[in-house]
Amino acid sequence: MNASVGVDARLWREDIDGSLAHSEMLAAQGVISETDRDAIHGGLNAVAARIEAGTFEWSIGLEDVHMNIESRLTEAIGLAGGRLHTARSRNDQVATDVRLWLVRRIDALVDALRALQTAFVDLAERDGHAILPGYTHLQRAQPILLAHHLLAYFEMLDRDIGRLRDCRARANWSPLGAAALAGTPFPLDRQATAARLGFSGPMANSLDAVADRDFAVEFTAAAALAMVHLSRLGEELVLWSSQEFSFVTLGDAFATGSSIMPQKKNPDIPELVRGKTGRVFGDLVALLTVLKGLPLAYNKDLQEDKEALFDAADTLLDCVTVLTRLLPACTFNIARMRRACDDGFVTATDVADYLARKQVPFREAHHITGRLVGWCIAEQRTLPSLTLEEFQRFSPVFEADVLQAVTVEASVAARTSEGGTAPDRVRVALLVARARLAEAR
């Protein structure tokens, strides 16, 4: 019950890096000798080599990653190993390890999210000229370019990256030197250890340094929201790959057949991304629940922070990685998407806008268009199929130019407002997206 090594062993690299920085500083401050420092460094590097080689034996009896490494170090170099823990507690040690691990993991996640953004831009450039219905309430609403739809996810992911970077900035402060909770009488140079580990500086309050897990909650919240975005993509891929939509075919590597129905091609990967989102929500709630009743400073409850944090980070990275591979393997049924625009009166708003440009009050224009659509439904007609005379049954304001205004292509081209779906706007948006990706490198 008390042991955590089964979970926190993955912090071994951060634990060794923290110990190297701590022992370097202790020697520089005259707390330990340079001879002891050199022995500690040699021993820690040897332990790291064994862990990397898979020959290090983790002991549950030693409870955690810290004591396992320190014990093996002391076995190897003797008394010098026992001096490593001078002016340090496992409380500030684990807080340092977890922050250092998270900062590094955020960097990897940002790189992965940039790769997924690139996959969206590549796909938008490849097939983005296709026109499909845009939806509200899952009802066909207005026609849009596929590229415009895909670039919406680019923007979502950009906000996710921003949140992760914000979290990184707040996580990147060093607890090392706070000791158990109150600091230490030894003449530490906390600025030096923070700088060596790449932190922005030491945390200001020793109690807060060992008790704080805000960074873990903040990261998991950011991960949960990123998973929401991936889940929405997964949901659309599930819908779009269904026979009812038939907008996209997933690559065979990202779908499976049924064990009993040979005609099935199940969108397993998008479904799994959608399902795994719940895991990360649970991780966030678990962390909040652990923290909500803790008095200052360190409590053993905080041992429960790592499973949720690790799971959220692993799940997000896995899902981002697999979707980056999935997107290029999607084949869009461009003709089917275009036909769907003809079936759903997606240019009805263009009819109302046409009347409004002719000085008909928009509410009246909306009413006229509604009656027109109702008649089309009853007569099984589409807006582009109507003659000028049929339009004029509903308003004498209609002129010959309405016949062009109600085409799907004209509707898309007309959406020229900033951020709109008009081809010229989307071409610029793609160029801007490419430039943003290049700038981020």
Protein backbone atom coordinates (compact mmCIF):
# COMPACT_ATOMS: atom_id res chain seq x y z
CA MET A 1 0.00 0.00 0.00
CA ASN A 2 2.82 2.36 0.87
CA ALA A 3 5.02 1.59 -2.12
CA SER A 4 4.85 3.69 -5.28
CA VAL A 5 7.79 2.37 -7.24
CA GLY A 6 5.50 0.56 -9.65
CA VAL A 7 4.27 3.96 -10.79
CA ASP A 8 7.07 6.44 -10.13
CA ALA A 9 9.96 4.36 -11.50
CA ARG A 10 9.40 6.21 -14.77
CA LEU A 11 10.76 9.33 -13.03
CA TRP A 12 14.21 7.77 -12.81
CA ARG A 13 15.84 10.10 -15.34
CA GLU A 14 14.46 13.20 -13.61
CA ASP A 15 15.44 11.82 -10.22
CA ILE A 16 19.02 11.28 -11.33
CA ASP A 17 19.20 14.68 -13.02
CA GLY A 18 17.94 16.32 -9.82
CA SER A 19 20.51 14.44 -7.74
CA LEU A 20 23.32 15.43 -10.08
CA ALA A 21 22.31 19.08 -9.79
CA HIS A 22 21.92 18.85 -6.01
CA SER A 23 25.29 17.20 -5.42
CA GLU A 24 27.01 19.65 -7.76
CA MET A 25 25.59 22.52 -5.75
CA LEU A 26 26.46 20.93 -2.39
CA ALA A 27 30.08 20.63 -3.45
CA ALA A 28 30.17 24.18 -4.78
CA GLN A 29 28.83 25.41 -1.43
CA GLY A 30 31.35 23.35 0.55
CA VAL A 31 28.68 21.12 2.11
CA ILE A 32 30.24 17.96 0.65
CA SER A 33 33.70 17.42 -0.79
CA GLU A 34 34.52 17.40 -4.47
CA THR A 35 35.68 13.81 -4.04
CA ASP A 36 32.25 12.81 -2.74
CA ARG A 37 30.62 14.76 -5.57
CA ASP A 38 32.68 12.93 -8.19
CA ALA A 39 31.87 9.56 -6.61
CA ILE A 40 28.16 10.43 -6.51
CA HIS A 41 28.18 11.50 -10.15
CA GLY A 42 29.99 8.37 -11.27
CA GLY A 43 27.63 6.18 -9.26
CA LEU A 44 24.50 7.92 -10.54
CA ASN A 45 25.65 7.62 -14.14
CA ALA A 46 26.29 3.92 -13.58
CA VAL A 47 22.78 3.49 -12.13
CA ALA A 48 21.34 5.32 -15.14
CA ALA A 49 23.21 3.01 -17.50
CA ARG A 50 21.78 -0.05 -15.71
CA ILE A 51 18.25 1.33 -15.88
CA GLU A 52 18.60 2.10 -19.57
CA ALA A 53 19.96 -1.40 -20.18
CA GLY A 54 17.07 -2.98 -18.31
CA THR A 55 19.33 -4.67 -15.73
CA PHE A 56 18.36 -2.53 -12.74
CA GLU A 57 16.31 -4.44 -10.18
CA TRP A 58 13.53 -2.34 -8.65
CA SER A 59 12.60 -3.26 -5.08
CA ILE A 60 9.12 -2.71 -3.72
CA GLY A 61 10.65 -2.87 -0.25
CA LEU A 62 12.46 0.39 -0.95
CA GLU A 63 9.07 2.01 -1.66
CA ASP A 64 9.84 4.49 -4.41
CA VAL A 65 12.14 5.55 -7.22
CA HIS A 66 14.16 7.82 -4.91
CA MET A 67 15.11 5.20 -2.34
CA ASN A 68 15.75 2.55 -4.99
CA ILE A 69 18.28 4.77 -6.74
CA GLU A 70 19.87 6.04 -3.53
CA SER A 71 20.18 2.52 -2.13
CA ARG A 72 21.91 1.20 -5.24
CA LEU A 73 24.15 4.27 -5.29
CA THR A 74 25.23 3.75 -1.67
CA GLU A 75 25.87 0.06 -2.31
CA ALA A 76 28.16 1.05 -5.16
CA ILE A 77 30.12 3.98 -3.66
CA GLY A 78 29.73 3.63 0.08
CA LEU A 79 29.46 6.57 2.51
CA ALA A 80 29.56 9.20 -0.22
CA GLY A 81 26.18 7.95 -1.41
CA GLY A 82 24.69 8.62 2.00
CA ARG A 83 25.77 12.27 1.78
CA LEU A 84 23.68 12.90 -1.33
CA HIS A 85 20.51 13.47 0.68
CA THR A 86 22.04 16.26 2.76
CA ALA A 87 19.77 19.34 2.78
CA ARG A 88 17.09 17.50 0.83
CA SER A 89 13.86 15.62 1.59
CA ARG A 90 11.86 13.22 -0.50
CA ASN A 91 9.17 15.91 -0.32
CA ASP A 92 11.08 18.47 -2.38
CA GLN A 93 12.75 15.70 -4.35
CA VAL A 94 9.54 14.20 -5.70
CA ALA A 95 8.03 17.62 -6.39
CA THR A 96 11.14 18.49 -8.41
CA ASP A 97 11.06 15.20 -10.30
CA VAL A 98 7.40 15.49 -11.26
CA ARG A 99 7.71 19.11 -12.39
CA LEU A 100 10.80 18.29 -14.43
CA TRP A 101 9.09 15.28 -16.01
CA LEU A 102 6.00 17.29 -16.87
CA VAL A 103 7.94 20.14 -18.46
CA ARG A 104 9.70 17.63 -20.70
CA ARG A 105 6.45 15.83 -21.51
CA ILE A 106 4.75 19.10 -22.42
CA ASP A 107 7.55 19.82 -24.88
CA ALA A 108 6.96 16.40 -26.49
CA LEU A 109 3.20 17.00 -26.58
CA VAL A 110 3.58 20.40 -28.20
CA ASP A 111 5.73 18.81 -30.92
CA ALA A 112 3.10 16.09 -31.41
CA LEU A 113 0.27 18.62 -31.62
CA ARG A 114 2.24 20.62 -34.20
CA ALA A 115 2.58 17.44 -36.26
CA LEU A 116 -1.19 16.91 -36.04
CA GLN A 117 -1.77 20.51 -37.11
CA THR A 118 0.51 19.87 -40.08
CA ALA A 119 -1.54 16.79 -40.99
CA PHE A 120 -4.70 18.92 -41.01
CA VAL A 121 -3.07 21.53 -43.26
CA ASP A 122 -1.72 18.84 -45.60
CA LEU A 123 -5.19 17.32 -45.88
CA ALA A 124 -6.78 20.72 -46.42
CA GLU A 125 -4.37 21.41 -49.26
CA ARG A 126 -4.93 17.96 -50.75
CA ASP A 127 -8.75 17.76 -50.69
CA GLY A 128 -9.83 21.09 -49.28
CA HIS A 129 -11.43 22.29 -52.51
CA ALA A 130 -14.30 19.86 -51.85
CA ILE A 131 -17.63 21.35 -50.80
CA LEU A 132 -19.76 19.78 -48.10
CA PRO A 133 -22.66 20.87 -45.95
CA GLY A 134 -21.75 22.66 -42.77
CA TYR A 135 -23.98 21.56 -39.91
CA THR A 136 -25.70 23.06 -36.92
CA HIS A 137 -27.73 20.79 -34.63
CA LEU A 138 -26.46 18.02 -36.97
CA GLN A 139 -28.80 19.46 -39.62
CA ARG A 140 -27.48 20.63 -42.97
CA ALA A 141 -27.02 24.36 -42.67
CA GLN A 142 -24.77 26.09 -45.24
CA PRO A 143 -22.17 24.84 -47.71
CA ILE A 144 -18.53 25.19 -46.77
CA LEU A 145 -15.15 24.12 -48.08
CA LEU A 146 -13.66 20.99 -46.56
CA ALA A 147 -10.46 22.97 -46.01
CA HIS A 148 -12.41 25.47 -43.91
CA HIS A 149 -13.77 22.64 -41.78
CA LEU A 150 -10.33 21.09 -41.29
CA LEU A 151 -8.73 24.42 -40.38
CA ALA A 152 -11.21 24.78 -37.52
CA TYR A 153 -9.35 21.89 -35.87
CA PHE A 154 -6.04 23.63 -36.57
CA GLU A 155 -7.29 26.57 -34.49
CA MET A 156 -8.52 24.32 -31.66
CA LEU A 157 -5.14 22.63 -31.48
CA ASP A 158 -3.40 26.00 -31.47
CA ARG A 159 -5.33 26.95 -28.35
CA ASP A 160 -4.42 23.60 -26.81
CA ILE A 161 -0.76 24.32 -27.45
CA GLY A 162 -1.17 27.74 -25.87
CA ARG A 163 -2.71 26.25 -22.74
CA LEU A 164 0.07 23.68 -22.46
CA ARG A 165 2.71 26.37 -22.82
CA ASP A 166 1.01 28.46 -20.16
CA CYS A 167 1.01 25.42 -17.89
CA ARG A 168 4.68 24.80 -18.64
CA ALA A 169 5.59 28.33 -17.61
CA ARG A 170 3.94 27.88 -14.21
CA ALA A 171 5.27 24.34 -13.74
CA ASN A 172 8.84 25.32 -14.55
CA TRP A 173 9.87 26.44 -11.04
CA SER A 174 12.12 24.46 -8.76
CA PRO A 175 11.03 23.09 -5.35
CA LEU A 176 14.52 21.70 -4.74
CA GLY A 177 15.96 23.05 -1.50
CA ALA A 178 12.62 23.44 0.25
CA ALA A 179 13.50 20.18 2.05
CA ALA A 180 10.66 18.65 4.07
CA LEU A 181 8.61 21.84 4.39
CA ALA A 182 10.58 24.60 6.15
CA GLY A 183 13.83 24.95 4.23
CA THR A 184 17.24 23.94 5.58
CA PRO A 185 20.07 25.45 7.65
CA PHE A 186 22.65 24.48 5.03
CA PRO A 187 23.96 27.27 2.77
CA LEU A 188 22.20 26.18 -0.42
CA ASP A 189 22.33 27.89 -3.77
CA ARG A 190 18.83 27.20 -5.03
CA GLN A 191 19.34 29.50 -8.00
CA ALA A 192 22.18 27.27 -9.20
CA THR A 193 20.20 24.01 -8.99
CA ALA A 194 17.21 25.62 -10.68
CA ALA A 195 19.38 26.91 -13.53
CA ARG A 196 21.14 23.58 -14.00
CA LEU A 197 17.80 21.78 -14.31
CA GLY A 198 16.38 24.36 -16.72
CA PHE A 199 13.86 25.83 -14.30
CA SER A 200 12.99 29.52 -14.36
CA GLY A 201 14.08 29.80 -10.73
CA PRO A 202 13.38 28.46 -7.23
CA MET A 203 9.89 28.51 -5.76
CA ALA A 204 9.44 31.34 -3.26
CA ASN A 205 7.82 29.51 -0.34
CA SER A 206 9.05 26.20 1.06
CA LEU A 207 5.59 25.08 2.21
CA ASP A 208 4.08 25.80 -1.18
CA ALA A 209 7.02 24.15 -2.93
CA VAL A 210 6.36 20.72 -1.42
CA ALA A 211 2.55 20.94 -1.19
CA ASP A 212 1.64 22.43 -4.56
CA ARG A 213 0.21 20.26 -7.32
CA ASP A 214 -1.56 23.04 -9.18
CA PHE A 215 0.65 22.34 -12.16
CA ALA A 216 -0.61 18.75 -12.33
CA VAL A 217 -4.24 19.86 -12.20
CA GLU A 218 -3.64 22.60 -14.75
CA PHE A 219 -1.96 20.19 -17.13
CA THR A 220 -4.66 17.57 -16.77
CA ALA A 221 -7.34 20.20 -17.37
CA ALA A 222 -5.54 21.31 -20.52
CA ALA A 223 -5.18 17.67 -21.57
CA ALA A 224 -8.88 17.06 -20.94
CA LEU A 225 -9.85 19.97 -23.18
CA ALA A 226 -7.44 18.82 -25.88
CA MET A 227 -9.07 15.39 -25.68
CA VAL A 228 -12.48 17.05 -26.13
CA HIS A 229 -11.22 18.41 -29.44
CA LEU A 230 -9.84 15.03 -30.50
CA SER A 231 -13.08 13.36 -29.43
CA ARG A 232 -15.14 15.74 -31.56
CA LEU A 233 -12.94 14.84 -34.52
CA GLY A 234 -13.39 11.17 -33.68
CA GLU A 235 -17.16 11.62 -33.58
CA GLU A 236 -17.19 13.31 -36.97
CA LEU A 237 -15.06 10.55 -38.48
CA VAL A 238 -17.46 7.96 -37.06
CA LEU A 239 -20.44 9.81 -38.55
CA TRP A 240 -18.79 10.64 -41.85
CA SER A 241 -17.59 7.06 -42.42
CA SER A 242 -21.09 5.65 -41.85
CA GLN A 243 -23.20 4.59 -44.83
CA GLU A 244 -25.68 7.32 -43.93
CA PHE A 245 -23.05 9.98 -44.60
CA SER A 246 -20.42 8.19 -46.74
CA PHE A 247 -18.25 11.29 -46.74
CA VAL A 248 -14.99 9.51 -45.90
CA THR A 249 -13.37 6.09 -46.00
CA LEU A 250 -10.80 5.35 -43.31
CA GLY A 251 -7.58 3.59 -44.14
CA ASP A 252 -7.71 -0.13 -43.38
CA ALA A 253 -5.06 0.21 -40.67
CA PHE A 254 -7.45 2.38 -38.64
CA ALA A 255 -10.58 0.25 -38.88
CA THR A 256 -11.52 -3.38 -38.29
CA GLY A 257 -14.05 -5.86 -39.55
CA SER A 258 -16.81 -7.49 -37.57
CA SER A 259 -16.28 -10.95 -36.07
CA ILE A 260 -19.65 -12.03 -37.50
CA MET A 261 -20.73 -9.53 -40.19
CA PRO A 262 -18.31 -9.66 -43.13
CA GLN A 263 -19.56 -6.43 -44.72
CA LYS A 264 -18.63 -4.23 -41.73
CA LYS A 265 -15.75 -1.77 -41.52
CA ASN A 266 -15.79 -0.39 -38.01
CA PRO A 267 -14.10 2.98 -37.25
CA ASP A 268 -12.29 1.60 -34.22
CA ILE A 269 -9.54 4.20 -33.87
CA PRO A 270 -11.86 7.24 -33.90
CA GLU A 271 -14.14 5.41 -31.46
CA LEU A 272 -11.23 4.64 -29.15
CA VAL A 273 -10.09 8.27 -29.19
CA ARG A 274 -13.65 9.29 -28.34
CA GLY A 275 -13.80 6.71 -25.55
CA LYS A 276 -10.39 7.48 -24.05
CA THR A 277 -11.46 11.07 -23.52
CA GLY A 278 -13.38 9.85 -20.48
CA ARG A 279 -10.17 8.53 -18.95
CA VAL A 280 -8.61 11.98 -18.98
CA PHE A 281 -11.75 13.56 -17.53
CA GLY A 282 -11.49 11.00 -14.74
CA ASP A 283 -7.81 11.83 -14.20
CA LEU A 284 -8.70 15.50 -13.72
CA VAL A 285 -11.45 14.73 -11.21
CA ALA A 286 -9.16 12.32 -9.35
CA LEU A 287 -6.47 14.97 -8.92
CA LEU A 288 -8.93 17.62 -7.77
CA THR A 289 -10.42 15.19 -5.28
CA VAL A 290 -7.03 14.23 -3.85
CA LEU A 291 -6.10 17.87 -3.30
CA LYS A 292 -9.32 19.39 -2.07
CA GLY A 293 -8.98 18.54 1.63
CA LEU A 294 -5.22 18.53 2.22
CA PRO A 295 -3.70 20.75 4.90
CA LEU A 296 -0.22 22.12 4.32
CA ALA A 297 2.29 20.82 3.61
CA TYR A 298 3.13 17.34 2.25
CA ASN A 299 0.67 14.49 2.83
CA LYS A 300 0.93 10.92 1.63
CA ASP A 301 -2.25 11.51 -0.41
CA LEU A 302 0.00 13.30 -2.88
CA GLN A 303 1.44 9.94 -3.86
CA GLU A 304 -1.79 9.56 -5.83
CA ASP A 305 -0.95 12.45 -8.14
CA LYS A 306 1.29 10.53 -10.50
CA GLU A 307 -1.02 7.84 -11.84
CA ALA A 308 -3.59 10.41 -12.96
CA LEU A 309 -0.94 12.76 -14.33
CA PHE A 310 0.93 10.06 -16.21
CA ASP A 311 -2.26 8.57 -17.61
CA ALA A 312 -3.52 11.92 -18.88
CA ALA A 313 -0.21 12.68 -20.57
CA ASP A 314 0.16 9.19 -22.06
CA THR A 315 -3.42 9.06 -23.31
CA LEU A 316 -3.23 12.46 -24.95
CA LEU A 317 0.09 11.70 -26.64
CA ASP A 318 -1.16 8.32 -27.90
CA CYS A 319 -4.32 9.84 -29.35
CA VAL A 320 -2.54 12.76 -30.99
CA THR A 321 0.02 10.41 -32.51
CA VAL A 322 -2.50 7.96 -33.95
CA LEU A 323 -4.69 10.71 -35.42
CA THR A 324 -1.64 12.24 -37.09
CA ARG A 325 -1.17 8.92 -38.87
CA LEU A 326 -4.89 8.45 -39.55
CA LEU A 327 -5.60 11.73 -41.35
CA PRO A 328 -3.43 11.11 -44.43
CA ALA A 329 -5.10 7.70 -44.78
CA CYS A 330 -8.58 9.23 -45.13
CA THR A 331 -10.20 9.15 -48.57
CA PHE A 332 -12.97 11.69 -49.02
CA ASN A 333 -15.99 10.99 -51.21
CA ILE A 334 -16.00 14.44 -52.76
CA ALA A 335 -18.92 13.75 -55.11
CA ARG A 336 -21.07 12.42 -52.27
CA MET A 337 -20.29 15.47 -50.12
CA ARG A 338 -21.27 17.75 -52.97
CA ARG A 339 -24.55 15.87 -53.60
CA ALA A 340 -25.44 16.25 -49.92
CA CYS A 341 -25.46 20.01 -50.45
CA ASP A 342 -28.15 19.71 -53.11
CA ASP A 343 -30.49 17.72 -50.88
CA GLY A 344 -30.72 19.96 -47.86
CA PHE A 345 -31.64 23.51 -48.98
CA VAL A 346 -28.22 24.67 -47.79
CA THR A 347 -28.49 27.85 -49.88
CA ALA A 348 -31.76 29.00 -48.28
CA THR A 349 -29.86 31.63 -46.30
CA ASP A 350 -28.50 32.95 -49.59
CA VAL A 351 -32.08 33.48 -50.79
CA ALA A 352 -32.87 35.48 -47.65
CA ASP A 353 -29.59 37.42 -48.00
CA TYR A 354 -30.48 38.12 -51.65
CA LEU A 355 -33.80 39.66 -50.64
CA ALA A 356 -32.14 41.64 -47.84
CA ARG A 357 -29.69 43.13 -50.34
CA LYS A 358 -32.76 44.20 -52.32
CA GLN A 359 -33.86 46.19 -49.25
CA VAL A 360 -36.40 43.65 -48.00
CA PRO A 361 -36.22 43.64 -44.16
CA PHE A 362 -34.35 40.51 -43.15
CA ARG A 363 -37.18 39.16 -40.99
CA GLU A 364 -39.57 39.47 -43.94
CA ALA A 365 -36.95 37.94 -46.24
CA HIS A 366 -36.59 35.06 -43.80
CA HIS A 367 -40.37 34.51 -43.85
CA ILE A 368 -40.55 34.59 -47.65
CA THR A 369 -37.70 32.10 -47.93
CA GLY A 370 -39.33 29.81 -45.39
CA ARG A 371 -42.53 29.67 -47.45
CA LEU A 372 -40.46 29.05 -50.58
CA VAL A 373 -38.62 26.14 -48.97
CA GLY A 374 -41.88 24.70 -47.68
CA TRP A 375 -43.28 24.74 -51.20
CA CYS A 376 -40.13 23.06 -52.55
CA ILE A 377 -40.42 20.29 -49.97
CA ALA A 378 -44.07 19.71 -50.90
CA GLU A 379 -43.24 19.69 -54.63
CA GLN A 380 -40.00 17.70 -54.17
CA ARG A 381 -37.95 20.45 -55.76
CA THR A 382 -34.58 21.99 -54.95
CA LEU A 383 -33.74 25.68 -54.93
CA PRO A 384 -31.29 25.51 -57.88
CA SER A 385 -33.98 23.76 -59.97
CA LEU A 386 -36.48 26.64 -59.74
CA THR A 387 -37.25 29.03 -62.57
CA LEU A 388 -37.42 32.78 -62.15
CA GLU A 389 -41.19 32.62 -62.48
CA GLU A 390 -41.39 30.14 -59.62
CA PHE A 391 -39.27 32.39 -57.41
CA GLN A 392 -41.50 35.34 -58.29
CA ARG A 393 -44.58 33.50 -57.02
CA PHE A 394 -43.24 34.30 -53.55
CA SER A 395 -41.91 37.82 -54.13
CA PRO A 396 -41.74 40.20 -57.08
CA VAL A 397 -38.35 41.35 -55.81
CA PHE A 398 -36.68 38.27 -57.28
CA GLU A 399 -34.81 38.96 -60.53
CA ALA A 400 -32.83 36.78 -62.91
CA ASP A 401 -29.64 37.04 -60.87
CA VAL A 402 -31.22 34.92 -58.11
CA LEU A 403 -30.71 31.84 -60.27
CA GLN A 404 -26.94 32.20 -59.85
CA ALA A 405 -27.12 33.28 -56.21
CA VAL A 406 -28.74 30.01 -55.09
CA THR A 407 -26.01 27.72 -56.44
CA VAL A 408 -23.81 25.99 -53.90
CA GLU A 409 -20.64 27.34 -55.44
CA ALA A 410 -21.95 30.90 -55.36
CA SER A 411 -22.98 30.47 -51.74
CA VAL A 412 -19.48 29.37 -50.74
CA ALA A 413 -17.84 32.11 -52.78
CA ALA A 414 -20.07 34.74 -51.21
CA ARG A 415 -18.82 34.09 -47.66
CA THR A 416 -15.98 36.59 -47.96
CA SER A 417 -16.08 38.01 -44.44
CA GLU A 418 -12.89 37.60 -42.41
CA GLY A 419 -12.68 34.01 -41.21
CA GLY A 420 -15.27 32.90 -43.78
CA THR A 421 -15.33 29.90 -46.11
CA ALA A 422 -14.89 31.72 -49.44
CA PRO A 423 -12.07 30.09 -51.45
CA ASP A 424 -9.94 33.25 -51.44
CA ARG A 425 -10.28 33.52 -47.65
CA VAL A 426 -9.42 29.86 -47.19
CA ARG A 427 -6.36 30.11 -49.44
CA VAL A 428 -5.06 32.92 -47.27
CA ALA A 429 -5.90 30.97 -44.10
CA LEU A 430 -3.86 28.02 -45.38
CA LEU A 431 -0.89 30.28 -46.10
CA VAL A 432 -1.15 31.78 -42.63
CA ALA A 433 -1.38 28.32 -41.06
CA ARG A 434 1.76 27.22 -42.90
CA ALA A 435 3.56 30.35 -41.76
CA ARG A 436 2.51 29.78 -38.15
CA LEU A 437 3.82 26.22 -38.30
CA ALA A 438 7.11 27.38 -39.80
CA GLU A 439 7.47 30.07 -37.15
CA ALA A 440 6.88 27.51 -34.40
CA ARG A 441 9.78 25.31 -35.49
